[in-house]
Amino acid sequence: MRSFIFIIGALLTLDTAALSLVSNGNLGTVLPAVLGIPLLLLSIFYPALTAWFATPLGHACKVLLICLYGACFLVLSIMTVLLKSAEHAEVEPDRDVLIVLGCSVRNGRPSLTLRYRLDAALAYLDQSPHTTVIVSGGQGPQESVSEARAMADYLTAHGLDASRIILEDQSTSTYENFKFCKTILQERFPGDASVAFVTTGFHVYRSGRVAAMHGIRAEGIPAQDVWYSAPNNYIREGIAVVLYTLSGKLT
């Protein structure tokens, strides 16, 4: 048991350490270490803690610890199933508008995650010659250009006619993505435009709910995730959905 606890704790902590080298310190990156470090300490001080757990106070702490880890595992498992279930909708071609949700830009160029989203958009647009695309994303503090500009440049470099692209370059969150795109839809597409959006698979569920909050009926097209950060992304997104729902930011 001691070796098993050590291995699990070490793997969780190493996951955070490794991903921190290539990602920012978001909750999905940090949480594995938050769960892993106590397990490492438990394995290191196992003999002394085993004796302490036999006392009334120690036993209560042991039960609390087991309940906390069990609850984390249960909630994250349920949320992962929920997030995955939103990734399988079939989106008909030739929607009036396709919204591509932005994410990080590095050195003026789309990150790997954003390239995957743009490649998914190109695949859809190739089958939908009458669809207009809105690239949505502002300029972050570490970005030399807006995400919208980087996305537009990528799409045109891969053969998409620039006349089919509308830039929304002010948003800084998923909420603002759809808020500002709603304004564009009202100005450019009077009536009930048919809409789809592209984002990474784990993000489809929350994006769809945020779109609905803004009165946009849209189906999500899931883009490929970066394999080494996928588990952490589902952790972060699952927690975000729970917190946003509890706070009333998702209805």
Foldseek 3Di string as FASTA:
>chain_A
DLVVLQVQLVVLLVLLVVVVVPDPPAPLSCVSNVLNVVSNVCSVCVVVLVVVCVDPVNVVVVVVNVVVVVVLVVLLVVLLVVLLVQQDDDDDAQFQEEEEEFDDDDPLAHDPQSVLQLVLVVVRCVVHVNHAYEYAFAADPRGPGTRQVNSLVVNVVVPDDSVSYDYHHDDDDLLVRLVVVLVVCVVPPPDQTAYEYEHASSCQVVSCQSNVVNVRHYGYHHGHDDVSCVSSSSSSSSVVVVVCVVVVVGD
